[in-house]
Amino acid sequence: TPLKGDGEVPFHAISASADSQMGLLTLQRRVPRKPKAGGEISSTVLFSPFSWLALLLYYPLSILFYFILTDALQLCSDDWSLECLHHTVLMAATSRPGILVPPH
């Protein structure tokens, strides 16, 4: 039979330790917390190391992708082949000045 408890949680056992601390034990499972109203972001998600790492990688890569895409639109607008993207946008041709021999 459950012991008389505080509030709605019935206690099933009382335990005492050597430092005179009382522990009230129950068989009832913990009730899950309700999500915060208004779509607020919790502080653990906002300040987690993974989220900062994701932001530090996401923004520079998205800016780099933006510049690559704008160059591809300008230089390969008539020929959307991988060869055009590779040799014109991503890699400089060896025939361009300063590639094989640096300028003095």
PDB file of N, CA and C in Angstrom:
ATOM      1  N   THR A   1       0.844  -1.188   0.000  1.00  0.00           N
ATOM      2  CA  THR A   1       0.000   0.000   0.000  1.00  0.00           C
ATOM      3  C   THR A   1       0.880   1.240   0.000  1.00  0.00           C
ATOM      4  N   PRO A   2       0.535   2.217  -0.784  1.00  0.00           N
ATOM      5  CA  PRO A   2       1.347   3.434  -0.845  1.00  0.00           C
ATOM      6  C   PRO A   2       1.281   4.218   0.456  1.00  0.00           C
ATOM      7  N   LEU A   3       2.402   4.813   0.818  1.00  0.00           N
ATOM      8  CA  LEU A   3       2.463   5.686   1.987  1.00  0.00           C
ATOM      9  C   LEU A   3       1.891   7.052   1.627  1.00  0.00           C
ATOM     10  N   LYS A   4       1.561   7.809   2.638  1.00  0.00           N
ATOM     11  CA  LYS A   4       1.012   9.136   2.395  1.00  0.00           C
ATOM     12  C   LYS A   4       2.131  10.050   1.897  1.00  0.00           C
ATOM     13  N   GLY A   5       1.936  10.661   0.722  1.00  0.00           N
ATOM     14  CA  GLY A   5       2.989  11.468   0.106  1.00  0.00           C
ATOM     15  C   GLY A   5       2.571  12.913  -0.048  1.00  0.00           C
ATOM     16  N   ASP A   6       3.526  13.697  -0.532  1.00  0.00           N
ATOM     17  CA  ASP A   6       3.246  15.111  -0.792  1.00  0.00           C
ATOM     18  C   ASP A   6       2.593  15.255  -2.152  1.00  0.00           C
ATOM     19  N   GLY A   7       1.483  15.899  -2.211  1.00  0.00           N
ATOM     20  CA  GLY A   7       0.821  16.149  -3.487  1.00  0.00           C
ATOM     21  C   GLY A   7       0.194  14.896  -4.053  1.00  0.00           C
ATOM     22  N   GLU A   8       0.409  14.685  -5.370  1.00  0.00           N
ATOM     23  CA  GLU A   8      -0.247  13.592  -6.067  1.00  0.00           C
ATOM     24  C   GLU A   8       0.628  12.350  -6.184  1.00  0.00           C
ATOM     25  N   VAL A   9       1.905  12.434  -5.766  1.00  0.00           N
ATOM     26  CA  VAL A   9       2.825  11.312  -5.930  1.00  0.00           C
ATOM     27  C   VAL A   9       2.793  10.452  -4.666  1.00  0.00           C
ATOM     28  N   PRO A  10       2.363   9.183  -4.778  1.00  0.00           N
ATOM     29  CA  PRO A  10       2.378   8.315  -3.596  1.00  0.00           C
ATOM     30  C   PRO A  10       3.772   7.725  -3.387  1.00  0.00           C
ATOM     31  N   PHE A  11       4.262   7.762  -2.155  1.00  0.00           N
ATOM     32  CA  PHE A  11       5.550   7.175  -1.828  1.00  0.00           C
ATOM     33  C   PHE A  11       5.347   5.736  -1.409  1.00  0.00           C
ATOM     34  N   HIS A  12       6.244   4.849  -1.832  1.00  0.00           N
ATOM     35  CA  HIS A  12       6.127   3.438  -1.518  1.00  0.00           C
ATOM     36  C   HIS A  12       7.137   2.993  -0.475  1.00  0.00           C
ATOM     37  N   ALA A  13       8.179   3.777  -0.237  1.00  0.00           N
ATOM     38  CA  ALA A  13       9.172   3.426   0.773  1.00  0.00           C
ATOM     39  C   ALA A  13       9.884   4.688   1.228  1.00  0.00           C
ATOM     40  N   ILE A  14      10.336   4.662   2.461  1.00  0.00           N
ATOM     41  CA  ILE A  14      11.148   5.746   3.012  1.00  0.00           C
ATOM     42  C   ILE A  14      12.492   5.135   3.374  1.00  0.00           C
ATOM     43  N   SER A  15      13.558   5.789   2.957  1.00  0.00           N
ATOM     44  CA  SER A  15      14.901   5.279   3.198  1.00  0.00           C
ATOM     45  C   SER A  15      15.703   6.341   3.930  1.00  0.00           C
ATOM     46  N   ALA A  16      16.540   5.889   4.849  1.00  0.00           N
ATOM     47  CA  ALA A  16      17.410   6.809   5.581  1.00  0.00           C
ATOM     48  C   ALA A  16      18.855   6.380   5.378  1.00  0.00           C
ATOM     49  N   SER A  17      19.755   7.380   5.225  1.00  0.00           N
ATOM     50  CA  SER A  17      21.167   7.072   5.037  1.00  0.00           C
ATOM     51  C   SER A  17      21.944   7.396   6.303  1.00  0.00           C
ATOM     52  N   ALA A  18      23.226   7.088   6.305  1.00  0.00           N
ATOM     53  CA  ALA A  18      24.062   7.298   7.484  1.00  0.00           C
ATOM     54  C   ALA A  18      24.241   8.769   7.795  1.00  0.00           C
ATOM     55  N   ASP A  19      24.077   9.659   6.832  1.00  0.00           N
ATOM     56  CA  ASP A  19      24.223  11.096   7.099  1.00  0.00           C
ATOM     57  C   ASP A  19      22.877  11.752   7.415  1.00  0.00           C
ATOM     58  N   SER A  20      21.939  10.971   7.826  1.00  0.00           N
ATOM     59  CA  SER A  20      20.620  11.438   8.291  1.00  0.00           C
ATOM     60  C   SER A  20      19.804  12.091   7.183  1.00  0.00           C
ATOM     61  N   GLN A  21      19.968  11.664   5.960  1.00  0.00           N
ATOM     62  CA  GLN A  21      19.166  12.173   4.852  1.00  0.00           C
ATOM     63  C   GLN A  21      18.033  11.190   4.589  1.00  0.00           C
ATOM     64  N   MET A  22      16.840  11.719   4.436  1.00  0.00           N
ATOM     65  CA  MET A  22      15.677  10.885   4.175  1.00  0.00           C
ATOM     66  C   MET A  22      15.431  10.834   2.667  1.00  0.00           C
ATOM     67  N   GLY A  23      15.129   9.665   2.176  1.00  0.00           N
ATOM     68  CA  GLY A  23      14.789   9.503   0.779  1.00  0.00           C
ATOM     69  C   GLY A  23      13.399   8.918   0.656  1.00  0.00           C
ATOM     70  N   LEU A  24      12.553   9.546  -0.129  1.00  0.00           N
ATOM     71  CA  LEU A  24      11.199   9.067  -0.349  1.00  0.00           C
ATOM     72  C   LEU A  24      11.157   8.410  -1.720  1.00  0.00           C
ATOM     73  N   LEU A  25      10.876   7.125  -1.793  1.00  0.00           N
ATOM     74  CA  LEU A  25      10.918   6.354  -3.018  1.00  0.00           C
ATOM     75  C   LEU A  25       9.512   6.032  -3.498  1.00  0.00           C
ATOM     76  N   THR A  26       9.340   6.043  -4.814  1.00  0.00           N
ATOM     77  CA  THR A  26       8.054   5.750  -5.402  1.00  0.00           C
ATOM     78  C   THR A  26       8.239   4.818  -6.596  1.00  0.00           C
ATOM     79  N   LEU A  27       7.206   4.132  -6.972  1.00  0.00           N
ATOM     80  CA  LEU A  27       7.223   3.274  -8.150  1.00  0.00           C
ATOM     81  C   LEU A  27       6.693   4.002  -9.379  1.00  0.00           C
ATOM     82  N   GLN A  28       6.190   5.202  -9.165  1.00  0.00           N
ATOM     83  CA  GLN A  28       5.609   5.969 -10.252  1.00  0.00           C
ATOM     84  C   GLN A  28       6.718   6.540 -11.131  1.00  0.00           C
ATOM     85  N   ARG A  29       6.514   6.493 -12.452  1.00  0.00           N
ATOM     86  CA  ARG A  29       7.492   7.045 -13.387  1.00  0.00           C
ATOM     87  C   ARG A  29       7.393   8.563 -13.420  1.00  0.00           C
ATOM     88  N   ARG A  30       8.496   9.164 -13.791  1.00  0.00           N
ATOM     89  CA  ARG A  30       8.538  10.615 -13.878  1.00  0.00           C
ATOM     90  C   ARG A  30       7.670  11.077 -15.050  1.00  0.00           C
ATOM     91  N   VAL A  31       6.914  12.119 -14.837  1.00  0.00           N
ATOM     92  CA  VAL A  31       6.041  12.671 -15.866  1.00  0.00           C
ATOM     93  C   VAL A  31       6.915  13.484 -16.829  1.00  0.00           C
ATOM     94  N   PRO A  32       6.800  13.256 -18.147  1.00  0.00           N
ATOM     95  CA  PRO A  32       7.610  14.042 -19.084  1.00  0.00           C
ATOM     96  C   PRO A  32       7.236  15.513 -19.036  1.00  0.00           C
ATOM     97  N   ARG A  33       8.229  16.358 -19.208  1.00  0.00           N
ATOM     98  CA  ARG A  33       7.992  17.802 -19.169  1.00  0.00           C
ATOM     99  C   ARG A  33       7.253  18.245 -20.416  1.00  0.00           C
ATOM    100  N   LYS A  34       6.421  19.229 -20.247  1.00  0.00           N
ATOM    101  CA  LYS A  34       5.679  19.786 -21.371  1.00  0.00           C
ATOM    102  C   LYS A  34       6.600  20.713 -22.159  1.00  0.00           C
ATOM    103  N   PRO A  35       6.475  20.736 -23.509  1.00  0.00           N
ATOM    104  CA  PRO A  35       7.306  21.655 -24.300  1.00  0.00           C
ATOM    105  C   PRO A  35       6.924  23.093 -23.995  1.00  0.00           C
ATOM    106  N   LYS A  36       7.912  23.971 -24.118  1.00  0.00           N
ATOM    107  CA  LYS A  36       7.668  25.382 -23.857  1.00  0.00           C
ATOM    108  C   LYS A  36       6.763  25.965 -24.933  1.00  0.00           C
ATOM    109  N   ALA A  37       5.868  26.826 -24.519  1.00  0.00           N
ATOM    110  CA  ALA A  37       4.937  27.450 -25.456  1.00  0.00           C
ATOM    111  C   ALA A  37       5.641  28.545 -26.238  1.00  0.00           C
ATOM    112  N   GLY A  38       5.192  28.795 -27.435  1.00  0.00           N
ATOM    113  CA  GLY A  38       5.726  29.883 -28.229  1.00  0.00           C
ATOM    114  C   GLY A  38       6.916  29.502 -29.071  1.00  0.00           C
ATOM    115  N   GLY A  39       7.286  28.258 -29.091  1.00  0.00           N
ATOM    116  CA  GLY A  39       8.396  27.823 -29.928  1.00  0.00           C
ATOM    117  C   GLY A  39       9.741  28.355 -29.484  1.00  0.00           C
ATOM    118  N   GLU A  40       9.944  28.551 -28.198  1.00  0.00           N
ATOM    119  CA  GLU A  40      11.217  29.058 -27.708  1.00  0.00           C
ATOM    120  C   GLU A  40      12.298  28.001 -27.853  1.00  0.00           C
ATOM    121  N   ILE A  41      13.508  28.439 -28.124  1.00  0.00           N
ATOM    122  CA  ILE A  41      14.642  27.527 -28.220  1.00  0.00           C
ATOM    123  C   ILE A  41      15.247  27.389 -26.826  1.00  0.00           C
ATOM    124  N   SER A  42      15.441  26.155 -26.406  1.00  0.00           N
ATOM    125  CA  SER A  42      16.003  25.953 -25.079  1.00  0.00           C
ATOM    126  C   SER A  42      17.470  26.348 -25.070  1.00  0.00           C
ATOM    127  N   SER A  43      17.985  26.698 -23.895  1.00  0.00           N
ATOM    128  CA  SER A  43      19.363  27.151 -23.789  1.00  0.00           C
ATOM    129  C   SER A  43      20.345  26.026 -24.046  1.00  0.00           C
ATOM    130  N   THR A  44      19.955  24.769 -23.801  1.00  0.00           N
ATOM    131  CA  THR A  44      20.882  23.670 -24.056  1.00  0.00           C
ATOM    132  C   THR A  44      21.101  23.479 -25.548  1.00  0.00           C
ATOM    133  N   VAL A  45      20.079  23.715 -26.359  1.00  0.00           N
ATOM    134  CA  VAL A  45      20.239  23.600 -27.805  1.00  0.00           C
ATOM    135  C   VAL A  45      20.991  24.808 -28.345  1.00  0.00           C
ATOM    136  N   LEU A  46      20.713  25.980 -27.797  1.00  0.00           N
ATOM    137  CA  LEU A  46      21.311  27.204 -28.295  1.00  0.00           C
ATOM    138  C   LEU A  46      22.808  27.254 -28.028  1.00  0.00           C
ATOM    139  N   PHE A  47      23.245  26.744 -26.888  1.00  0.00           N
ATOM    140  CA  PHE A  47      24.646  26.866 -26.505  1.00  0.00           C
ATOM    141  C   PHE A  47      25.398  25.546 -26.538  1.00  0.00           C
ATOM    142  N   SER A  48      24.875  24.554 -27.221  1.00  0.00           N
ATOM    143  CA  SER A  48      25.583  23.286 -27.289  1.00  0.00           C
ATOM    144  C   SER A  48      26.777  23.421 -28.236  1.00  0.00           C
ATOM    145  N   PRO A  49      27.853  22.703 -27.973  1.00  0.00           N
ATOM    146  CA  PRO A  49      29.034  22.801 -28.840  1.00  0.00           C
ATOM    147  C   PRO A  49      28.749  22.349 -30.267  1.00  0.00           C
ATOM    148  N   PHE A  50      27.862  21.393 -30.432  1.00  0.00           N
ATOM    149  CA  PHE A  50      27.538  20.925 -31.774  1.00  0.00           C
ATOM    150  C   PHE A  50      26.858  22.023 -32.590  1.00  0.00           C
ATOM    151  N   SER A  51      25.984  22.798 -31.960  1.00  0.00           N
ATOM    152  CA  SER A  51      25.302  23.860 -32.708  1.00  0.00           C
ATOM    153  C   SER A  51      26.287  24.951 -33.121  1.00  0.00           C
ATOM    154  N   TRP A  52      27.252  25.275 -32.265  1.00  0.00           N
ATOM    155  CA  TRP A  52      28.246  26.275 -32.635  1.00  0.00           C
ATOM    156  C   TRP A  52      29.134  25.758 -33.755  1.00  0.00           C
ATOM    157  N   LEU A  53      29.502  24.480 -33.691  1.00  0.00           N
ATOM    158  CA  LEU A  53      30.310  23.895 -34.755  1.00  0.00           C
ATOM    159  C   LEU A  53      29.543  23.895 -36.075  1.00  0.00           C
ATOM    160  N   ALA A  54      28.269  23.583 -36.012  1.00  0.00           N
ATOM    161  CA  ALA A  54      27.452  23.583 -37.227  1.00  0.00           C
ATOM    162  C   ALA A  54      27.369  24.993 -37.821  1.00  0.00           C
ATOM    163  N   LEU A  55      27.233  26.001 -36.973  1.00  0.00           N
ATOM    164  CA  LEU A  55      27.181  27.378 -37.472  1.00  0.00           C
ATOM    165  C   LEU A  55      28.521  27.809 -38.061  1.00  0.00           C
ATOM    166  N   LEU A  56      29.615  27.413 -37.409  1.00  0.00           N
ATOM    167  CA  LEU A  56      30.935  27.790 -37.913  1.00  0.00           C
ATOM    168  C   LEU A  56      31.251  27.123 -39.243  1.00  0.00           C
ATOM    169  N   LEU A  57      30.664  25.983 -39.510  1.00  0.00           N
ATOM    170  CA  LEU A  57      30.872  25.321 -40.789  1.00  0.00           C
ATOM    171  C   LEU A  57      29.844  25.743 -41.829  1.00  0.00           C
ATOM    172  N   TYR A  58      28.628  25.976 -41.410  1.00  0.00           N
ATOM    173  CA  TYR A  58      27.540  26.263 -42.341  1.00  0.00           C
ATOM    174  C   TYR A  58      27.742  27.598 -43.062  1.00  0.00           C
ATOM    175  N   TYR A  59      28.010  28.653 -42.327  1.00  0.00           N
ATOM    176  CA  TYR A  59      28.079  29.973 -42.940  1.00  0.00           C
ATOM    177  C   TYR A  59      29.260  30.127 -43.897  1.00  0.00           C
ATOM    178  N   PRO A  60      30.487  29.732 -43.541  1.00  0.00           N
ATOM    179  CA  PRO A  60      31.564  29.851 -44.542  1.00  0.00           C
ATOM    180  C   PRO A  60      31.335  28.967 -45.768  1.00  0.00           C
ATOM    181  N   LEU A  61      30.806  27.769 -45.563  1.00  0.00           N
ATOM    182  CA  LEU A  61      30.557  26.901 -46.712  1.00  0.00           C
ATOM    183  C   LEU A  61      29.443  27.440 -47.595  1.00  0.00           C
ATOM    184  N   SER A  62      28.433  28.040 -47.001  1.00  0.00           N
ATOM    185  CA  SER A  62      27.354  28.600 -47.816  1.00  0.00           C
ATOM    186  C   SER A  62      27.839  29.825 -48.592  1.00  0.00           C
ATOM    187  N   ILE A  63      28.718  30.622 -47.998  1.00  0.00           N
ATOM    188  CA  ILE A  63      29.279  31.770 -48.721  1.00  0.00           C
ATOM    189  C   ILE A  63      30.166  31.291 -49.861  1.00  0.00           C
ATOM    190  N   LEU A  64      30.976  30.266 -49.611  1.00  0.00           N
ATOM    191  CA  LEU A  64      31.820  29.692 -50.658  1.00  0.00           C
ATOM    192  C   LEU A  64      30.970  29.129 -51.795  1.00  0.00           C
ATOM    193  N   PHE A  65      29.910  28.419 -51.446  1.00  0.00           N
ATOM    194  CA  PHE A  65      29.010  27.875 -52.469  1.00  0.00           C
ATOM    195  C   PHE A  65      28.350  28.996 -53.270  1.00  0.00           C
ATOM    196  N   TYR A  66      28.016  30.096 -52.622  1.00  0.00           N
ATOM    197  CA  TYR A  66      27.408  31.234 -53.311  1.00  0.00           C
ATOM    198  C   TYR A  66      28.361  31.783 -54.380  1.00  0.00           C
ATOM    199  N   PHE A  67      29.643  31.962 -54.024  1.00  0.00           N
ATOM    200  CA  PHE A  67      30.605  32.496 -54.987  1.00  0.00           C
ATOM    201  C   PHE A  67      30.848  31.523 -56.127  1.00  0.00           C
ATOM    202  N   ILE A  68      30.907  30.237 -55.830  1.00  0.00           N
ATOM    203  CA  ILE A  68      31.084  29.239 -56.885  1.00  0.00           C
ATOM    204  C   ILE A  68      29.886  29.250 -57.831  1.00  0.00           C
ATOM    205  N   LEU A  69      28.690  29.358 -57.274  1.00  0.00           N
ATOM    206  CA  LEU A  69      27.490  29.366 -58.109  1.00  0.00           C
ATOM    207  C   LEU A  69      27.403  30.613 -58.976  1.00  0.00           C
ATOM    208  N   THR A  70      27.756  31.778 -58.433  1.00  0.00           N
ATOM    209  CA  THR A  70      27.707  32.992 -59.252  1.00  0.00           C
ATOM    210  C   THR A  70      28.745  32.947 -60.365  1.00  0.00           C
ATOM    211  N   ASP A  71      29.954  32.413 -60.079  1.00  0.00           N
ATOM    212  CA  ASP A  71      30.950  32.262 -61.144  1.00  0.00           C
ATOM    213  C   ASP A  71      30.473  31.278 -62.193  1.00  0.00           C
ATOM    214  N   ALA A  72      29.855  30.203 -61.768  1.00  0.00           N
ATOM    215  CA  ALA A  72      29.355  29.219 -62.729  1.00  0.00           C
ATOM    216  C   ALA A  72      28.264  29.816 -63.602  1.00  0.00           C
ATOM    217  N   LEU A  73      27.410  30.637 -63.048  1.00  0.00           N
ATOM    218  CA  LEU A  73      26.355  31.273 -63.840  1.00  0.00           C
ATOM    219  C   LEU A  73      26.940  32.241 -64.869  1.00  0.00           C
ATOM    220  N   GLN A  74      28.010  32.941 -64.507  1.00  0.00           N
ATOM    221  CA  GLN A  74      28.614  33.897 -65.430  1.00  0.00           C
ATOM    222  C   GLN A  74      29.460  33.210 -66.504  1.00  0.00           C
ATOM    223  N   LEU A  75      30.265  32.230 -66.103  1.00  0.00           N
ATOM    224  CA  LEU A  75      31.249  31.661 -67.022  1.00  0.00           C
ATOM    225  C   LEU A  75      30.724  30.476 -67.822  1.00  0.00           C
ATOM    226  N   CYS A  76      29.796  29.724 -67.272  1.00  0.00           N
ATOM    227  CA  CYS A  76      29.315  28.512 -67.947  1.00  0.00           C
ATOM    228  C   CYS A  76      27.833  28.596 -68.274  1.00  0.00           C
ATOM    229  N   SER A  77      27.342  29.779 -68.584  1.00  0.00           N
ATOM    230  CA  SER A  77      25.906  29.912 -68.829  1.00  0.00           C
ATOM    231  C   SER A  77      25.467  29.201 -70.104  1.00  0.00           C
ATOM    232  N   ASP A  78      26.359  29.109 -71.092  1.00  0.00           N
ATOM    233  CA  ASP A  78      25.969  28.434 -72.331  1.00  0.00           C
ATOM    234  C   ASP A  78      26.322  26.948 -72.326  1.00  0.00           C
ATOM    235  N   ASP A  79      27.277  26.526 -71.508  1.00  0.00           N
ATOM    236  CA  ASP A  79      27.722  25.131 -71.488  1.00  0.00           C
ATOM    237  C   ASP A  79      27.726  24.626 -70.045  1.00  0.00           C
ATOM    238  N   TRP A  80      26.695  23.901 -69.652  1.00  0.00           N
ATOM    239  CA  TRP A  80      26.593  23.387 -68.281  1.00  0.00           C
ATOM    240  C   TRP A  80      27.181  21.975 -68.175  1.00  0.00           C
ATOM    241  N   SER A  81      28.373  21.792 -68.642  1.00  0.00           N
ATOM    242  CA  SER A  81      29.012  20.485 -68.524  1.00  0.00           C
ATOM    243  C   SER A  81      29.933  20.486 -67.311  1.00  0.00           C
ATOM    244  N   LEU A  82      30.270  19.299 -66.857  1.00  0.00           N
ATOM    245  CA  LEU A  82      31.196  19.184 -65.730  1.00  0.00           C
ATOM    246  C   LEU A  82      32.586  19.669 -66.118  1.00  0.00           C
ATOM    247  N   GLU A  83      32.932  19.524 -67.375  1.00  0.00           N
ATOM    248  CA  GLU A  83      34.243  19.989 -67.832  1.00  0.00           C
ATOM    249  C   GLU A  83      34.347  21.503 -67.710  1.00  0.00           C
ATOM    250  N   CYS A  84      33.289  22.207 -68.079  1.00  0.00           N
ATOM    251  CA  CYS A  84      33.293  23.666 -67.960  1.00  0.00           C
ATOM    252  C   CYS A  84      33.379  24.077 -66.489  1.00  0.00           C
ATOM    253  N   LEU A  85      32.589  23.438 -65.663  1.00  0.00           N
ATOM    254  CA  LEU A  85      32.626  23.771 -64.238  1.00  0.00           C
ATOM    255  C   LEU A  85      33.980  23.462 -63.623  1.00  0.00           C
ATOM    256  N   HIS A  86      34.567  22.344 -64.012  1.00  0.00           N
ATOM    257  CA  HIS A  86      35.839  21.937 -63.423  1.00  0.00           C
ATOM    258  C   HIS A  86      36.985  22.829 -63.888  1.00  0.00           C
ATOM    259  N   HIS A  87      37.113  23.038 -65.203  1.00  0.00           N
ATOM    260  CA  HIS A  87      38.266  23.756 -65.742  1.00  0.00           C
ATOM    261  C   HIS A  87      38.104  25.272 -65.722  1.00  0.00           C
ATOM    262  N   THR A  88      36.898  25.760 -65.692  1.00  0.00           N
ATOM    263  CA  THR A  88      36.705  27.208 -65.743  1.00  0.00           C
ATOM    264  C   THR A  88      36.423  27.806 -64.364  1.00  0.00           C
ATOM    265  N   VAL A  89      35.592  27.139 -63.587  1.00  0.00           N
ATOM    266  CA  VAL A  89      35.168  27.719 -62.312  1.00  0.00           C
ATOM    267  C   VAL A  89      36.021  27.222 -61.148  1.00  0.00           C
ATOM    268  N   LEU A  90      36.194  25.922 -61.042  1.00  0.00           N
ATOM    269  CA  LEU A  90      36.856  25.371 -59.861  1.00  0.00           C
ATOM    270  C   LEU A  90      38.378  25.364 -59.958  1.00  0.00           C
ATOM    271  N   MET A  91      38.926  25.037 -61.109  1.00  0.00           N
ATOM    272  CA  MET A  91      40.377  24.938 -61.268  1.00  0.00           C
ATOM    273  C   MET A  91      40.827  25.933 -62.332  1.00  0.00           C
ATOM    274  N   ALA A  92      41.977  26.541 -62.100  1.00  0.00           N
ATOM    275  CA  ALA A  92      42.525  27.455 -63.102  1.00  0.00           C
ATOM    276  C   ALA A  92      43.297  26.643 -64.131  1.00  0.00           C
ATOM    277  N   ALA A  93      43.156  26.995 -65.365  1.00  0.00           N
ATOM    278  CA  ALA A  93      43.873  26.303 -66.438  1.00  0.00           C
ATOM    279  C   ALA A  93      45.359  26.594 -66.323  1.00  0.00           C
ATOM    280  N   THR A  94      46.169  25.629 -66.710  1.00  0.00           N
ATOM    281  CA  THR A  94      47.621  25.799 -66.609  1.00  0.00           C
ATOM    282  C   THR A  94      48.136  26.827 -67.606  1.00  0.00           C
ATOM    283  N   SER A  95      47.350  27.152 -68.605  1.00  0.00           N
ATOM    284  CA  SER A  95      47.784  28.149 -69.593  1.00  0.00           C
ATOM    285  C   SER A  95      47.606  29.587 -69.083  1.00  0.00           C
ATOM    286  N   ARG A  96      46.909  29.781 -67.994  1.00  0.00           N
ATOM    287  CA  ARG A  96      46.707  31.134 -67.457  1.00  0.00           C
ATOM    288  C   ARG A  96      47.997  31.656 -66.846  1.00  0.00           C
ATOM    289  N   PRO A  97      48.255  32.949 -66.987  1.00  0.00           N
ATOM    290  CA  PRO A  97      49.501  33.500 -66.440  1.00  0.00           C
ATOM    291  C   PRO A  97      49.531  33.416 -64.916  1.00  0.00           C
ATOM    292  N   GLY A  98      50.692  33.037 -64.398  1.00  0.00           N
ATOM    293  CA  GLY A  98      50.877  32.973 -62.957  1.00  0.00           C
ATOM    294  C   GLY A  98      50.558  31.634 -62.354  1.00  0.00           C
ATOM    295  N   ILE A  99      50.108  30.653 -63.140  1.00  0.00           N
ATOM    296  CA  ILE A  99      49.754  29.347 -62.581  1.00  0.00           C
ATOM    297  C   ILE A  99      50.991  28.456 -62.483  1.00  0.00           C
ATOM    298  N   LEU A 100      51.685  28.250 -63.593  1.00  0.00           N
ATOM    299  CA  LEU A 100      52.886  27.409 -63.564  1.00  0.00           C
ATOM    300  C   LEU A 100      54.081  28.156 -62.987  1.00  0.00           C
ATOM    301  N   VAL A 101      54.255  29.387 -63.399  1.00  0.00           N
ATOM    302  CA  VAL A 101      55.361  30.204 -62.902  1.00  0.00           C
ATOM    303  C   VAL A 101      54.767  31.437 -62.239  1.00  0.00           C
ATOM    304  N   PRO A 102      55.054  31.621 -60.941  1.00  0.00           N
ATOM    305  CA  PRO A 102      54.482  32.780 -60.268  1.00  0.00           C
ATOM    306  C   PRO A 102      55.017  34.087 -60.854  1.00  0.00           C
ATOM    307  N   PRO A 103      54.206  35.124 -60.872  1.00  0.00           N
ATOM    308  CA  PRO A 103      54.677  36.411 -61.411  1.00  0.00           C
ATOM    309  C   PRO A 103      55.774  37.000 -60.521  1.00  0.00           C
ATOM    310  N   HIS A 104      56.703  37.730 -61.151  1.00  0.00           N
ATOM    311  CA  HIS A 104      57.826  38.305 -60.403  1.00  0.00           C
ATOM    312  C   HIS A 104      57.490  39.676 -59.910  1.00  0.00           C
TER     313      HIS A 104
END
